[in-house]
Protein backbone atom coordinates (compact mmCIF):
# COMPACT_ATOMS: atom_id res chain seq x y z
CA MET A 1 251.78 -20.90 -103.05
CA PRO A 2 249.31 -22.23 -105.65
CA GLN A 3 247.34 -25.40 -104.88
CA ARG A 4 248.43 -28.51 -106.73
CA ALA A 5 246.11 -31.30 -107.76
CA ALA A 6 246.43 -34.63 -105.98
CA VAL A 7 247.36 -37.38 -108.42
CA ALA A 8 246.66 -41.02 -107.63
CA VAL A 9 249.62 -43.33 -108.00
CA VAL A 10 248.65 -46.65 -109.59
CA THR A 11 250.62 -49.66 -108.38
CA GLY A 12 250.86 -53.26 -109.46
CA GLN A 13 251.09 -54.75 -112.91
CA LEU A 14 247.39 -55.38 -113.34
CA ALA A 15 246.43 -51.93 -112.06
CA VAL A 16 248.80 -50.24 -114.50
CA VAL A 17 247.55 -52.28 -117.46
CA GLU A 18 243.92 -51.76 -116.52
CA ALA A 19 244.39 -48.01 -116.15
CA TRP A 20 246.08 -47.95 -119.57
CA LEU A 21 243.30 -49.97 -121.22
CA ASP A 22 240.72 -47.67 -119.64
CA ALA A 23 242.56 -44.59 -120.96
CA VAL A 24 242.79 -46.14 -124.43
CA ASP A 25 239.04 -46.92 -124.40
CA ARG A 26 238.37 -43.25 -123.56
CA ALA A 27 240.92 -42.12 -126.19
CA ASP A 28 242.63 -40.21 -123.37
CA THR A 29 246.09 -39.70 -124.83
CA GLY A 30 247.45 -37.90 -121.78
CA ALA A 31 246.46 -40.64 -119.35
CA ALA A 32 247.64 -43.46 -121.63
CA THR A 33 250.96 -41.73 -122.26
CA ALA A 34 251.56 -41.08 -118.55
CA LEU A 35 251.33 -44.84 -117.92
CA CYS A 36 254.06 -45.64 -120.47
CA ALA A 37 257.83 -45.55 -120.46
CA PRO A 38 259.32 -42.86 -122.74
CA ASP A 39 260.83 -45.58 -124.95
CA LEU A 40 257.62 -47.66 -125.06
CA GLU A 41 257.72 -50.40 -127.69
CA ILE A 42 254.46 -51.14 -129.51
CA VAL A 43 254.36 -54.34 -131.55
CA GLY A 44 251.45 -55.16 -133.82
CA PRO A 45 250.59 -56.97 -137.01
CA ARG A 46 252.20 -54.20 -139.11
CA GLY A 47 255.51 -54.12 -137.26
CA SER A 48 256.84 -52.25 -134.27
CA VAL A 49 257.49 -48.67 -133.23
CA ARG A 50 259.18 -47.05 -130.24
CA GLY A 51 258.30 -44.00 -128.23
CA ARG A 52 255.16 -43.13 -126.32
CA GLU A 53 254.58 -40.13 -128.56
CA VAL A 54 253.04 -42.50 -131.16
CA LEU A 55 250.04 -43.13 -128.87
CA GLY A 56 248.22 -39.87 -129.72
CA PRO A 57 248.13 -40.36 -133.48
CA TRP A 58 247.24 -44.05 -133.05
CA LEU A 59 244.35 -43.29 -130.70
CA ALA A 60 243.07 -40.62 -133.10
CA ARG A 61 242.91 -42.98 -136.08
CA ALA A 62 242.36 -46.49 -134.68
CA GLY A 63 239.02 -46.13 -132.92
CA PHE A 64 240.14 -49.06 -130.74
CA ARG A 65 238.11 -50.32 -127.78
CA ALA A 66 238.50 -53.58 -125.94
CA ARG A 67 236.57 -55.47 -123.30
CA PRO A 68 238.88 -57.63 -121.18
CA LEU A 69 237.85 -61.26 -121.09
CA ARG A 70 240.67 -62.91 -119.14
CA TRP A 71 243.73 -61.64 -117.23
CA PHE A 72 247.08 -63.38 -116.65
CA CYS A 73 249.87 -62.12 -114.41
CA GLY A 74 253.41 -63.37 -114.03
CA ALA A 75 256.73 -62.56 -112.49
CA GLY A 76 258.98 -60.04 -114.17
CA GLY A 77 256.18 -57.63 -115.06
CA GLU A 78 254.42 -59.81 -117.63
CA VAL A 79 250.66 -59.35 -118.08
CA VAL A 80 248.49 -60.88 -120.79
CA VAL A 81 244.90 -59.79 -121.39
CA GLU A 82 242.54 -61.63 -123.71
CA GLN A 83 240.18 -59.03 -125.17
CA ASP A 84 237.06 -58.67 -127.27
CA ALA A 85 238.37 -55.86 -129.46
CA THR A 86 236.59 -53.52 -131.85
CA TRP A 87 237.86 -50.90 -134.24
CA ALA A 88 235.56 -48.06 -135.28
CA ASP A 89 235.79 -45.17 -137.67
CA PRO A 90 236.59 -42.18 -135.40
CA ALA A 91 234.53 -39.82 -137.56
CA THR A 92 231.35 -41.89 -137.87
CA GLY A 93 231.59 -44.47 -135.09
CA ALA A 94 230.86 -47.23 -137.62
CA GLU A 95 232.48 -50.51 -136.65
CA ARG A 96 235.36 -51.44 -138.97
CA GLY A 97 236.32 -54.71 -137.35
CA ARG A 98 235.97 -56.98 -134.36
CA ALA A 99 238.10 -59.85 -133.06
CA VAL A 100 239.14 -61.67 -129.93
CA VAL A 101 242.82 -60.85 -129.51
CA ALA A 102 245.39 -61.11 -126.76
CA ALA A 103 247.69 -58.32 -125.68
CA ARG A 104 250.97 -58.88 -123.90
CA PHE A 105 252.25 -56.11 -121.65
CA LEU A 106 255.57 -55.68 -119.93
CA VAL A 107 255.34 -53.44 -116.87
CA THR A 108 258.63 -52.16 -115.45
CA ASP A 109 259.11 -49.56 -112.74
CA GLY A 110 255.35 -48.95 -112.62
CA VAL A 111 254.90 -48.12 -116.31
CA ILE A 112 254.25 -50.07 -119.49
CA ALA A 113 257.48 -50.66 -121.39
CA ARG A 114 256.05 -52.91 -124.12
CA VAL A 115 252.66 -53.69 -125.66
CA GLN A 116 252.31 -56.49 -128.17
CA ARG A 117 249.05 -57.46 -129.86
CA HIS A 118 248.63 -61.14 -130.70
CA ASP A 119 245.95 -61.61 -133.34
CA ASP A 120 246.72 -65.33 -133.34
CA GLY A 121 245.25 -65.66 -129.88
CA LEU A 122 245.83 -66.30 -126.25
CA PRO A 123 248.10 -69.38 -126.43
CA THR A 124 250.68 -67.48 -128.49
CA ALA A 125 250.60 -64.46 -126.18
CA LEU A 126 250.95 -66.64 -123.08
CA ALA A 127 253.89 -68.51 -124.60
CA ALA A 128 255.62 -65.26 -125.58
CA ALA A 129 255.21 -63.97 -122.01
CA GLY A 130 256.34 -67.25 -120.44
CA LEU A 131 252.93 -67.67 -118.80
CA ARG A 132 250.56 -70.62 -118.51
CA GLU A 133 246.81 -71.05 -118.09
CA SER A 134 247.49 -71.52 -114.38
CA ASP A 135 248.67 -67.89 -114.23
CA GLU A 136 245.13 -66.66 -114.88
CA VAL A 137 243.86 -64.24 -112.26
CA THR A 138 240.28 -65.26 -111.49
CA ALA A 139 239.89 -63.75 -108.04
CA ARG A 140 241.22 -60.78 -106.15
CA ARG A 141 244.16 -62.83 -104.93
CA CYS A 142 247.40 -63.61 -106.63
CA PRO A 143 247.39 -67.14 -108.11
CA ALA A 144 250.95 -67.66 -106.88
CA ALA A 145 250.01 -66.90 -103.27
CA ALA A 146 246.57 -68.54 -103.19
CA GLY A 147 246.25 -70.85 -100.22
CA THR A 148 249.73 -70.09 -98.88
CA GLY A 149 248.83 -67.34 -96.44
CA GLN A 150 251.80 -65.42 -97.87
CA PRO A 151 251.73 -62.11 -99.73
CA CYS A 152 252.04 -62.19 -103.47
CA ALA A 153 255.64 -62.64 -104.62
CA ARG A 154 254.66 -61.04 -107.90
CA THR A 155 253.44 -57.49 -108.21
CA CYS A 156 249.90 -58.18 -109.37
CA TRP A 157 248.31 -56.31 -106.45
CA VAL A 158 244.70 -57.28 -106.96
CA THR A 159 243.22 -55.46 -104.00
CA SER A 160 240.15 -53.37 -104.72
CA SER A 161 236.56 -54.56 -104.94
CA ALA A 162 235.50 -51.71 -107.25
CA THR A 163 234.64 -52.72 -110.80
CA ARG A 164 235.82 -51.41 -114.12
CA SER A 165 232.91 -50.75 -116.44
CA GLY A 166 232.85 -53.32 -119.19
CA ALA A 167 235.26 -55.73 -117.52
CA SER A 168 233.72 -59.18 -117.72
CA SER A 169 235.69 -60.30 -114.70
CA GLY A 170 233.92 -57.75 -112.50
CA MET A 171 237.21 -56.90 -110.77
CA LYS A 172 239.39 -53.86 -110.59
CA TRP A 173 243.06 -54.65 -110.36
CA GLY A 174 244.66 -52.65 -107.65
CA ARG A 175 243.84 -49.25 -106.31
CA PRO A 176 245.63 -46.01 -105.84
CA SER A 177 248.28 -46.67 -103.19
CA SER A 178 248.95 -43.06 -102.33
CA THR A 179 248.56 -39.58 -103.62
CA SER A 180 251.18 -37.05 -104.46
CA SER A 181 251.16 -33.44 -105.51
CA ARG A 182 252.41 -32.43 -108.89
C-alpha cells in the first residue's frame, strides 16, 4: 500500500482565516482553495462572485498581499481582520496600490464560506459582522472567556505561541489539532 502524506487539520475560526491569508500571500491557489467552501462567496468593491474556482485567476492577476493589523472574532463564525494591504503587478512586482482595509470572513464547518473586503474601513466591517471593538483578540485567549476560567464559547481557538511572519500581533491563531492521511 502506498504511503500517504499526513495533512494537518486547521481548527478554529482564526486559524482557518490566518492559514487562508498566508496562502493568499504566497499565491498558493491550492492551499487557499482547500480552506474554502465550494460555493465560496467573494464580495469586493466591484461586486460579488461565487465559487472557489475564482481564487486561482484572482491570485494570478491581483498581486495581493496583506499584513494583519488587528483581529476580531465573534460567535457564528465571524472574523474581521484589519489589514495593511498592497497590490503589485505580478509580472514586475511594482506596487500598484496600498491601503488599510478590513476583511470580513464567515467560517462555517471549518472552511471559509464568505470573504468581503471593506475599503471603507474597520467600523463598517465590524458592523456588518455584528462585532464590536470589545471583540478584538489581543492575547492568546478568547475575549469572551477572559477572566472566567471557562473555555471559549466561540470557536476562536487561539492556542499556539508560534508566530506568523509579518503578523503585527506576533500571534498565531490556533494550531493543527490532528493529522489525517489523504
